[in-house]
Amino acid sequence: MRQETGSSGPGTGWLAWIADEARLAAFDGSGWVDAIELGAGIPSTLGINAEADTNNRLALSSPASLFDHEGNGHRLKINKAGVGDTASLLLQTGYSGRAEIGTAGDDSLHVKVSPDGSLWHEAIVIDPSTGAASFPNSVLGVAGPVDGGAAEAPVDFDAAIDGGGAGTGLDRLEACAIERAFDGVARPHGSILGQTGEFMAASALRVAAGVYALGAQMLPGTVGFGTPDPAVPVPELVTVPRPARVEAVLVPVLAQGGANAALVLTRS
C-alpha cells in the first residue's frame, strides 16, 4: 500500500477491518470497497509453520490437525477432474509413499501398500457398481505387485456348499461326487452341518448359505471340523468364513435312503 503525496487521507491499497460489519475493506483510490472483491485475502499459497509451494499450495507442520464440525457433521472432500485421475490419501515415511487409499486411475476404491514408494502392491479393490471387493494379492486372487494402480483380474471361484460332515458313508460319496463335478480341480467347499444340524429342512438352509455366499462374496466356514478322514478327499476345505469372489455355488444334497439332487446357483 502507499500514501498519496500531499494527502492526509487513506492511500490506494490501504486495508481496514470494519468491526461492526465483520468484513475487510480496501481503499481503491476513490472509496472503500470490499477487499475480497479486489482479490485481497485470497493467497495463492498458504504455509502454516511450513513452506508452501506451487504444488503443495497448502502446507502445515503440526503435531496434529483438527477438522471440526459446526453444529452437525463434517465431510472432507477430495475431488478429481475425471475418472482416469487420482483422488487419494497418501501415507508417507520420510516423504516416500507407503500406503494409499482412494480412487487411483479409475472410480474403484483401491487400497495399496509399498515397501519403498516405487513398487506398489494392491491389497483391496472395491467395484463402485456392485460393492464387490477383490483381494488381488491374497489367496483369494492373483498374487503379484501392480504398477500404477491397475489391478490384475481376480480369480472367479466356483464353490460347493455340501451337506456332508455327519460322519456317515455319504461323506465319501459326496466328496467324490464334488471332485468329479469339478474334474479333479480343487475348489473351495465346506459344510454348514455343524451350524444347522441335520433335519428335514436342512437342504433349504444349504441353499440359503449358497445365496449368502453369492450375495456377500463370503464363503461360510465348516464349524466343528477337526481331523480329516483320509478316505474322504477334502482339498480346499473352508474351515472358517472368508471373503472370496464367488461366481457359482454347487449345493449337492444326498439323502439317507431318499432322493439325491444338486443345485447350481450363479450370480447371473
C-alpha atoms as a PDB file:
ATOM      1  CA  MET A   1       0.000   0.000   0.000  1.00  0.00           C
ATOM      2  CA  ARG A   2       1.080   3.589  -0.439  1.00  0.00           C
ATOM      3  CA  GLN A   3       0.209   7.036   0.904  1.00  0.00           C
ATOM      4  CA  GLU A   4      -0.817   9.589  -1.737  1.00  0.00           C
ATOM      5  CA  THR A   5       1.647  12.507  -1.812  1.00  0.00           C
ATOM      6  CA  GLY A   6       0.343  15.556  -0.037  1.00  0.00           C
ATOM      7  CA  SER A   7      -2.722  13.748   1.241  1.00  0.00           C
ATOM      8  CA  SER A   8      -3.636  13.111   4.841  1.00  0.00           C
ATOM      9  CA  GLY A   9      -6.370  10.610   3.864  1.00  0.00           C
ATOM     10  CA  PRO A  10      -6.090   6.941   3.060  1.00  0.00           C
ATOM     11  CA  GLY A  11      -3.935   5.865   0.137  1.00  0.00           C
ATOM     12  CA  THR A  12      -4.753   3.375  -2.610  1.00  0.00           C
ATOM     13  CA  GLY A  13      -4.345  -0.157  -1.280  1.00  0.00           C
ATOM     14  CA  TRP A  14      -4.994   0.613   2.341  1.00  0.00           C
ATOM     15  CA  LEU A  15      -6.912  -2.099   4.222  1.00  0.00           C
ATOM     16  CA  ALA A  16      -9.342  -1.621   7.075  1.00  0.00           C
ATOM     17  CA  TRP A  17     -11.288  -4.077   9.201  1.00  0.00           C
ATOM     18  CA  ILE A  18     -14.861  -2.896   9.726  1.00  0.00           C
ATOM     19  CA  ALA A  19     -15.682  -4.427  13.097  1.00  0.00           C
ATOM     20  CA  ASP A  20     -19.442  -3.831  13.206  1.00  0.00           C
ATOM     21  CA  GLU A  21     -19.849  -5.418   9.745  1.00  0.00           C
ATOM     22  CA  ALA A  22     -17.186  -8.106  10.305  1.00  0.00           C
ATOM     23  CA  ARG A  23     -15.613  -7.575   6.894  1.00  0.00           C
ATOM     24  CA  LEU A  24     -12.364  -6.415   5.334  1.00  0.00           C
ATOM     25  CA  ALA A  25     -12.395  -3.258   3.189  1.00  0.00           C
ATOM     26  CA  ALA A  26      -9.818  -1.795   0.814  1.00  0.00           C
ATOM     27  CA  PHE A  27      -9.373   1.763  -0.442  1.00  0.00           C
ATOM     28  CA  ASP A  28      -9.252   1.772  -4.271  1.00  0.00           C
ATOM     29  CA  GLY A  29      -8.253   5.418  -4.634  1.00  0.00           C
ATOM     30  CA  SER A  30     -11.722   6.855  -4.633  1.00  0.00           C
ATOM     31  CA  GLY A  31     -13.514   4.988  -1.878  1.00  0.00           C
ATOM     32  CA  TRP A  32     -13.691   1.950   0.375  1.00  0.00           C
ATOM     33  CA  VAL A  33     -14.788  -1.283  -1.320  1.00  0.00           C
ATOM     34  CA  ASP A  34     -14.992  -4.932  -0.303  1.00  0.00           C
ATOM     35  CA  ALA A  35     -11.432  -6.228  -0.116  1.00  0.00           C
ATOM     36  CA  ILE A  36     -12.382  -9.759  -1.198  1.00  0.00           C
ATOM     37  CA  GLU A  37     -13.835  -8.435  -4.457  1.00  0.00           C
ATOM     38  CA  LEU A  38     -10.454  -6.863  -5.207  1.00  0.00           C
ATOM     39  CA  GLY A  39      -8.680 -10.147  -4.584  1.00  0.00           C
ATOM     40  CA  ALA A  40      -7.340  -9.266  -1.177  1.00  0.00           C
ATOM     41  CA  GLY A  41      -7.258 -12.021   1.393  1.00  0.00           C
ATOM     42  CA  ILE A  42      -7.133 -14.858  -1.182  1.00  0.00           C
ATOM     43  CA  PRO A  43      -3.498 -16.004  -1.234  1.00  0.00           C
ATOM     44  CA  SER A  44      -2.327 -18.410  -3.930  1.00  0.00           C
ATOM     45  CA  THR A  45      -0.326 -20.374  -1.320  1.00  0.00           C
ATOM     46  CA  LEU A  46      -0.557 -20.768   2.439  1.00  0.00           C
ATOM     47  CA  GLY A  47       2.065 -22.239   4.746  1.00  0.00           C
ATOM     48  CA  ILE A  48       1.379 -22.735   8.443  1.00  0.00           C
ATOM     49  CA  ASN A  49       4.697 -23.351  10.188  1.00  0.00           C
ATOM     50  CA  ALA A  50       5.792 -24.805   6.815  1.00  0.00           C
ATOM     51  CA  GLU A  51       6.868 -23.692   3.359  1.00  0.00           C
ATOM     52  CA  ALA A  52       4.125 -23.893   0.741  1.00  0.00           C
ATOM     53  CA  ASP A  53       4.951 -24.166  -2.975  1.00  0.00           C
ATOM     54  CA  THR A  54       3.155 -24.240  -6.320  1.00  0.00           C
ATOM     55  CA  ASN A  55       2.385 -27.973  -5.950  1.00  0.00           C
ATOM     56  CA  ASN A  56       1.676 -28.113  -2.205  1.00  0.00           C
ATOM     57  CA  ARG A  57      -0.204 -24.834  -2.074  1.00  0.00           C
ATOM     58  CA  LEU A  58      -1.443 -25.565   1.434  1.00  0.00           C
ATOM     59  CA  ALA A  59       1.272 -26.804   3.793  1.00  0.00           C
ATOM     60  CA  LEU A  60       1.063 -27.455   7.521  1.00  0.00           C
ATOM     61  CA  SER A  61       3.666 -28.616  10.023  1.00  0.00           C
ATOM     62  CA  SER A  62       1.963 -29.577  13.277  1.00  0.00           C
ATOM     63  CA  PRO A  63       1.711 -32.445  15.787  1.00  0.00           C
ATOM     64  CA  ALA A  64      -1.966 -32.855  14.862  1.00  0.00           C
ATOM     65  CA  SER A  65      -4.761 -31.359  12.765  1.00  0.00           C
ATOM     66  CA  LEU A  66      -8.424 -30.921  13.646  1.00  0.00           C
ATOM     67  CA  PHE A  67     -11.286 -30.504  11.192  1.00  0.00           C
ATOM     68  CA  ASP A  68     -14.247 -29.855  13.456  1.00  0.00           C
ATOM     69  CA  HIS A  69     -17.988 -29.700  12.836  1.00  0.00           C
ATOM     70  CA  GLU A  70     -20.095 -26.574  13.089  1.00  0.00           C
ATOM     71  CA  GLY A  71     -23.290 -27.834  14.590  1.00  0.00           C
ATOM     72  CA  ASN A  72     -23.693 -31.192  12.822  1.00  0.00           C
ATOM     73  CA  GLY A  73     -21.421 -33.404  10.725  1.00  0.00           C
ATOM     74  CA  HIS A  74     -18.236 -32.687   8.799  1.00  0.00           C
ATOM     75  CA  ARG A  75     -17.140 -34.107   5.432  1.00  0.00           C
ATOM     76  CA  LEU A  76     -13.653 -33.960   3.940  1.00  0.00           C
ATOM     77  CA  LYS A  77     -13.949 -33.864   0.144  1.00  0.00           C
ATOM     78  CA  ILE A  78     -11.208 -34.762  -2.333  1.00  0.00           C
ATOM     79  CA  ASN A  79     -12.365 -34.099  -5.908  1.00  0.00           C
ATOM     80  CA  LYS A  80     -10.711 -35.172  -9.171  1.00  0.00           C
ATOM     81  CA  ALA A  81     -11.328 -33.907 -12.703  1.00  0.00           C
ATOM     82  CA  GLY A  82     -12.017 -37.215 -14.466  1.00  0.00           C
ATOM     83  CA  VAL A  83     -12.340 -40.972 -13.996  1.00  0.00           C
ATOM     84  CA  GLY A  84      -8.743 -41.622 -15.044  1.00  0.00           C
ATOM     85  CA  ASP A  85      -7.317 -39.188 -12.499  1.00  0.00           C
ATOM     86  CA  THR A  86      -6.488 -39.861  -8.845  1.00  0.00           C
ATOM     87  CA  ALA A  87      -8.164 -38.735  -5.636  1.00  0.00           C
ATOM     88  CA  SER A  88      -6.479 -40.393  -2.690  1.00  0.00           C
ATOM     89  CA  LEU A  89      -4.978 -40.230   0.749  1.00  0.00           C
ATOM     90  CA  LEU A  90      -1.229 -40.973   0.566  1.00  0.00           C
ATOM     91  CA  LEU A  91       0.613 -42.055   3.719  1.00  0.00           C
ATOM     92  CA  GLN A  92       4.385 -41.493   3.656  1.00  0.00           C
ATOM     93  CA  THR A  93       7.542 -42.294   5.585  1.00  0.00           C
ATOM     94  CA  GLY A  94      10.316 -39.753   5.019  1.00  0.00           C
ATOM     95  CA  TYR A  95       8.269 -38.302   2.140  1.00  0.00           C
ATOM     96  CA  SER A  96       8.172 -41.715   0.434  1.00  0.00           C
ATOM     97  CA  GLY A  97       4.803 -43.408  -0.125  1.00  0.00           C
ATOM     98  CA  ARG A  98       3.975 -46.471   1.979  1.00  0.00           C
ATOM     99  CA  ALA A  99       0.170 -46.755   1.732  1.00  0.00           C
ATOM    100  CA  GLU A 100      -2.526 -45.178  -0.426  1.00  0.00           C
ATOM    101  CA  ILE A 101      -6.319 -45.237  -0.198  1.00  0.00           C
ATOM    102  CA  GLY A 102      -8.502 -43.730  -2.876  1.00  0.00           C
ATOM    103  CA  THR A 103      -9.770 -43.819  -6.440  1.00  0.00           C
ATOM    104  CA  ALA A 104      -6.492 -44.210  -8.320  1.00  0.00           C
ATOM    105  CA  GLY A 105      -6.797 -44.280 -12.097  1.00  0.00           C
ATOM    106  CA  ASP A 106     -10.491 -45.232 -12.088  1.00  0.00           C
ATOM    107  CA  ASP A 107     -13.550 -44.953  -9.851  1.00  0.00           C
ATOM    108  CA  SER A 108     -12.923 -48.161  -7.873  1.00  0.00           C
ATOM    109  CA  LEU A 109     -11.730 -47.792  -4.299  1.00  0.00           C
ATOM    110  CA  HIS A 110      -8.134 -49.018  -4.074  1.00  0.00           C
ATOM    111  CA  VAL A 111      -6.093 -49.857  -1.003  1.00  0.00           C
ATOM    112  CA  LYS A 112      -2.434 -50.470  -1.787  1.00  0.00           C
ATOM    113  CA  VAL A 113       0.899 -50.541   0.038  1.00  0.00           C
ATOM    114  CA  SER A 114       4.561 -50.138  -0.880  1.00  0.00           C
ATOM    115  CA  PRO A 115       7.848 -51.048   0.805  1.00  0.00           C
ATOM    116  CA  ASP A 116       9.811 -48.278  -0.908  1.00  0.00           C
ATOM    117  CA  GLY A 117       7.453 -45.822  -2.609  1.00  0.00           C
ATOM    118  CA  SER A 118       8.109 -47.286  -6.066  1.00  0.00           C
ATOM    119  CA  LEU A 119       6.801 -50.861  -6.032  1.00  0.00           C
ATOM    120  CA  TRP A 120       3.126 -50.980  -5.094  1.00  0.00           C
ATOM    121  CA  HIS A 121       1.011 -53.965  -4.060  1.00  0.00           C
ATOM    122  CA  GLU A 122      -2.767 -53.823  -4.485  1.00  0.00           C
ATOM    123  CA  ALA A 123      -4.464 -55.151  -1.346  1.00  0.00           C
ATOM    124  CA  ILE A 124      -8.172 -54.400  -1.863  1.00  0.00           C
ATOM    125  CA  VAL A 125     -10.202 -53.189  -4.839  1.00  0.00           C
ATOM    126  CA  ILE A 126     -13.907 -52.364  -4.388  1.00  0.00           C
ATOM    127  CA  ASP A 127     -16.078 -52.141  -7.507  1.00  0.00           C
ATOM    128  CA  PRO A 128     -18.183 -48.925  -7.460  1.00  0.00           C
ATOM    129  CA  SER A 129     -21.048 -50.564  -9.394  1.00  0.00           C
ATOM    130  CA  THR A 130     -21.546 -53.633  -7.207  1.00  0.00           C
ATOM    131  CA  GLY A 131     -19.651 -53.002  -3.985  1.00  0.00           C
ATOM    132  CA  ALA A 132     -17.888 -56.340  -4.500  1.00  0.00           C
ATOM    133  CA  ALA A 133     -14.392 -56.464  -3.018  1.00  0.00           C
ATOM    134  CA  SER A 134     -11.476 -58.326  -4.582  1.00  0.00           C
ATOM    135  CA  PHE A 135      -8.124 -59.112  -2.981  1.00  0.00           C
ATOM    136  CA  PRO A 136      -5.524 -59.252  -5.794  1.00  0.00           C
ATOM    137  CA  ASN A 137      -2.540 -60.131  -3.582  1.00  0.00           C
ATOM    138  CA  SER A 138      -4.133 -62.755  -1.333  1.00  0.00           C
ATOM    139  CA  VAL A 139      -5.069 -66.386  -1.754  1.00  0.00           C
ATOM    140  CA  LEU A 140      -8.420 -65.092  -2.986  1.00  0.00           C
ATOM    141  CA  GLY A 141      -6.997 -63.546  -6.138  1.00  0.00           C
ATOM    142  CA  VAL A 142      -3.991 -63.215  -8.430  1.00  0.00           C
ATOM    143  CA  ALA A 143      -0.808 -62.549  -6.442  1.00  0.00           C
ATOM    144  CA  GLY A 144       1.863 -60.148  -7.516  1.00  0.00           C
ATOM    145  CA  PRO A 145       2.639 -56.426  -7.392  1.00  0.00           C
ATOM    146  CA  VAL A 146       0.908 -53.998  -9.707  1.00  0.00           C
ATOM    147  CA  ASP A 147       2.399 -50.796 -11.072  1.00  0.00           C
ATOM    148  CA  GLY A 148       0.453 -47.577 -11.373  1.00  0.00           C
ATOM    149  CA  GLY A 149      -2.632 -48.802  -9.541  1.00  0.00           C
ATOM    150  CA  ALA A 150      -4.104 -51.068 -12.265  1.00  0.00           C
ATOM    151  CA  ALA A 151      -5.273 -54.226 -10.504  1.00  0.00           C
ATOM    152  CA  GLU A 152      -4.935 -57.618 -12.137  1.00  0.00           C
ATOM    153  CA  ALA A 153      -8.170 -59.533 -12.647  1.00  0.00           C
ATOM    154  CA  PRO A 154      -9.104 -61.606  -9.581  1.00  0.00           C
ATOM    155  CA  VAL A 155      -9.899 -65.280  -9.846  1.00  0.00           C
ATOM    156  CA  ASP A 156     -13.581 -66.195 -10.066  1.00  0.00           C
ATOM    157  CA  PHE A 157     -14.265 -69.046  -7.646  1.00  0.00           C
ATOM    158  CA  ASP A 158     -16.733 -71.848  -8.060  1.00  0.00           C
ATOM    159  CA  ALA A 159     -17.594 -73.218  -4.635  1.00  0.00           C
ATOM    160  CA  ALA A 160     -19.516 -76.133  -3.203  1.00  0.00           C
ATOM    161  CA  ILE A 161     -21.611 -75.953  -0.055  1.00  0.00           C
ATOM    162  CA  ASP A 162     -22.334 -79.553   0.733  1.00  0.00           C
ATOM    163  CA  GLY A 163     -24.432 -81.259   3.366  1.00  0.00           C
ATOM    164  CA  GLY A 164     -21.869 -83.847   4.363  1.00  0.00           C
ATOM    165  CA  GLY A 165     -19.898 -83.985   7.546  1.00  0.00           C
ATOM    166  CA  ALA A 166     -22.242 -86.172   9.536  1.00  0.00           C
ATOM    167  CA  GLY A 167     -19.665 -88.947   9.826  1.00  0.00           C
ATOM    168  CA  THR A 168     -21.604 -91.390   7.601  1.00  0.00           C
ATOM    169  CA  GLY A 169     -20.744 -93.155   4.364  1.00  0.00           C
ATOM    170  CA  LEU A 170     -22.442 -90.355   2.470  1.00  0.00           C
ATOM    171  CA  ASP A 171     -19.495 -88.085   3.267  1.00  0.00           C
ATOM    172  CA  ARG A 172     -17.159 -90.028   0.982  1.00  0.00           C
ATOM    173  CA  LEU A 173     -19.774 -90.350  -1.770  1.00  0.00           C
ATOM    174  CA  GLU A 174     -20.494 -86.652  -1.689  1.00  0.00           C
ATOM    175  CA  ALA A 175     -16.814 -85.678  -1.634  1.00  0.00           C
ATOM    176  CA  CYS A 176     -16.099 -87.967  -4.592  1.00  0.00           C
ATOM    177  CA  ALA A 177     -19.078 -86.559  -6.491  1.00  0.00           C
ATOM    178  CA  ILE A 178     -17.841 -82.997  -5.945  1.00  0.00           C
ATOM    179  CA  GLU A 179     -14.348 -83.965  -7.060  1.00  0.00           C
ATOM    180  CA  ARG A 180     -15.728 -85.460 -10.280  1.00  0.00           C
ATOM    181  CA  ALA A 181     -18.027 -82.482 -10.877  1.00  0.00           C
ATOM    182  CA  PHE A 182     -15.008 -80.163 -10.876  1.00  0.00           C
ATOM    183  CA  ASP A 183     -12.883 -82.573 -12.962  1.00  0.00           C
ATOM    184  CA  GLY A 184     -10.454 -83.064 -10.117  1.00  0.00           C
ATOM    185  CA  VAL A 185      -9.729 -79.333  -9.817  1.00  0.00           C
ATOM    186  CA  ALA A 186      -9.708 -78.325  -6.150  1.00  0.00           C
ATOM    187  CA  ARG A 187     -12.419 -75.779  -5.396  1.00  0.00           C
ATOM    188  CA  PRO A 188     -13.313 -74.227  -2.047  1.00  0.00           C
ATOM    189  CA  HIS A 189     -16.055 -76.188  -0.353  1.00  0.00           C
ATOM    190  CA  GLY A 190     -17.420 -76.793   3.081  1.00  0.00           C
ATOM    191  CA  SER A 191     -20.362 -77.927   5.151  1.00  0.00           C
ATOM    192  CA  ILE A 192     -22.768 -75.921   7.322  1.00  0.00           C
ATOM    193  CA  LEU A 193     -23.988 -79.062   9.073  1.00  0.00           C
ATOM    194  CA  GLY A 194     -22.044 -78.066  12.182  1.00  0.00           C
ATOM    195  CA  GLN A 195     -24.136 -74.910  12.445  1.00  0.00           C
ATOM    196  CA  THR A 196     -27.549 -76.252  11.475  1.00  0.00           C
ATOM    197  CA  GLY A 197     -27.588 -79.939  12.344  1.00  0.00           C
ATOM    198  CA  GLU A 198     -29.460 -82.488  10.204  1.00  0.00           C
ATOM    199  CA  PHE A 199     -33.231 -82.165   9.907  1.00  0.00           C
ATOM    200  CA  MET A 200     -35.950 -82.134   7.261  1.00  0.00           C
ATOM    201  CA  ALA A 201     -35.403 -78.527   6.114  1.00  0.00           C
ATOM    202  CA  ALA A 202     -31.594 -78.628   6.275  1.00  0.00           C
ATOM    203  CA  SER A 203     -31.367 -78.648   2.461  1.00  0.00           C
ATOM    204  CA  ALA A 204     -33.140 -75.295   2.306  1.00  0.00           C
ATOM    205  CA  LEU A 205     -30.571 -73.832   4.675  1.00  0.00           C
ATOM    206  CA  ARG A 206     -27.760 -75.096   2.410  1.00  0.00           C
ATOM    207  CA  VAL A 207     -29.378 -73.282  -0.493  1.00  0.00           C
ATOM    208  CA  ALA A 208     -29.657 -70.170   1.692  1.00  0.00           C
ATOM    209  CA  ALA A 209     -25.962 -70.478   2.506  1.00  0.00           C
ATOM    210  CA  GLY A 210     -25.217 -70.605  -1.215  1.00  0.00           C
ATOM    211  CA  VAL A 211     -27.285 -67.494  -1.852  1.00  0.00           C
ATOM    212  CA  TYR A 212     -25.465 -65.784   1.006  1.00  0.00           C
ATOM    213  CA  ALA A 213     -22.071 -66.754  -0.448  1.00  0.00           C
ATOM    214  CA  LEU A 214     -23.008 -65.218  -3.811  1.00  0.00           C
ATOM    215  CA  GLY A 215     -24.514 -62.070  -2.352  1.00  0.00           C
ATOM    216  CA  ALA A 216     -21.973 -61.344   0.382  1.00  0.00           C
ATOM    217  CA  GLN A 217     -18.996 -62.724  -1.554  1.00  0.00           C
ATOM    218  CA  MET A 218     -18.165 -64.712   1.554  1.00  0.00           C
ATOM    219  CA  LEU A 219     -17.566 -68.458   1.920  1.00  0.00           C
ATOM    220  CA  PRO A 220     -19.168 -69.917   5.064  1.00  0.00           C
ATOM    221  CA  GLY A 221     -16.918 -71.990   7.269  1.00  0.00           C
ATOM    222  CA  THR A 222     -17.131 -75.594   8.427  1.00  0.00           C
ATOM    223  CA  VAL A 223     -17.851 -75.411  12.150  1.00  0.00           C
ATOM    224  CA  GLY A 224     -16.530 -78.243  14.323  1.00  0.00           C
ATOM    225  CA  PHE A 225     -14.076 -79.587  11.747  1.00  0.00           C
ATOM    226  CA  GLY A 226     -11.184 -81.416  13.389  1.00  0.00           C
ATOM    227  CA  THR A 227      -9.093 -84.241  11.942  1.00  0.00           C
ATOM    228  CA  PRO A 228      -9.898 -85.052   8.296  1.00  0.00           C
ATOM    229  CA  ASP A 229     -10.819 -88.599   7.311  1.00  0.00           C
ATOM    230  CA  PRO A 230      -8.045 -89.856   4.995  1.00  0.00           C
ATOM    231  CA  ALA A 231     -10.676 -91.773   2.986  1.00  0.00           C
ATOM    232  CA  VAL A 232     -12.600 -88.578   2.196  1.00  0.00           C
ATOM    233  CA  PRO A 233     -10.902 -86.160  -0.243  1.00  0.00           C
ATOM    234  CA  VAL A 234     -11.456 -82.631   1.051  1.00  0.00           C
ATOM    235  CA  PRO A 235      -8.955 -80.315  -0.676  1.00  0.00           C
ATOM    236  CA  GLU A 236      -9.693 -76.599  -0.302  1.00  0.00           C
ATOM    237  CA  LEU A 237     -11.975 -77.194   2.657  1.00  0.00           C
ATOM    238  CA  VAL A 238     -13.090 -73.835   4.090  1.00  0.00           C
ATOM    239  CA  THR A 239     -12.857 -74.187   7.865  1.00  0.00           C
ATOM    240  CA  VAL A 240     -13.559 -70.555   8.801  1.00  0.00           C
ATOM    241  CA  PRO A 241     -15.610 -67.909   6.929  1.00  0.00           C
ATOM    242  CA  ARG A 242     -13.528 -65.951   4.462  1.00  0.00           C
ATOM    243  CA  PRO A 243     -14.163 -63.401   1.689  1.00  0.00           C
ATOM    244  CA  ALA A 244     -13.917 -64.569  -1.928  1.00  0.00           C
ATOM    245  CA  ARG A 245     -15.117 -63.616  -5.378  1.00  0.00           C
ATOM    246  CA  VAL A 246     -17.802 -66.274  -5.818  1.00  0.00           C
ATOM    247  CA  GLU A 247     -19.469 -66.608  -9.215  1.00  0.00           C
ATOM    248  CA  ALA A 248     -21.149 -70.006  -8.837  1.00  0.00           C
ATOM    249  CA  VAL A 249     -22.103 -72.335  -5.995  1.00  0.00           C
ATOM    250  CA  LEU A 250     -22.885 -76.061  -6.186  1.00  0.00           C
ATOM    251  CA  VAL A 251     -25.276 -77.298  -3.488  1.00  0.00           C
ATOM    252  CA  PRO A 252     -25.465 -81.120  -3.542  1.00  0.00           C
ATOM    253  CA  VAL A 253     -27.975 -82.958  -1.380  1.00  0.00           C
ATOM    254  CA  LEU A 254     -27.516 -86.676  -0.746  1.00  0.00           C
ATOM    255  CA  ALA A 255     -30.311 -88.203   1.268  1.00  0.00           C
ATOM    256  CA  GLN A 256     -30.264 -91.137   3.659  1.00  0.00           C
ATOM    257  CA  GLY A 257     -32.345 -93.526   1.552  1.00  0.00           C
ATOM    258  CA  GLY A 258     -34.229 -90.737  -0.216  1.00  0.00           C
ATOM    259  CA  ALA A 259     -33.843 -88.720  -3.415  1.00  0.00           C
ATOM    260  CA  ASN A 260     -30.499 -87.177  -4.339  1.00  0.00           C
ATOM    261  CA  ALA A 261     -30.240 -83.779  -6.022  1.00  0.00           C
ATOM    262  CA  ALA A 262     -27.812 -80.969  -6.808  1.00  0.00           C
ATOM    263  CA  LEU A 263     -28.490 -77.282  -7.374  1.00  0.00           C
ATOM    264  CA  VAL A 264     -26.165 -74.790  -9.090  1.00  0.00           C
ATOM    265  CA  LEU A 265     -26.549 -71.131  -8.127  1.00  0.00           C
ATOM    266  CA  THR A 266     -24.874 -68.329 -10.110  1.00  0.00           C
ATOM    267  CA  ARG A 267     -24.627 -64.552  -9.845  1.00  0.00           C
ATOM    268  CA  SER A 268     -26.095 -64.042 -13.324  1.00  0.00           C
END
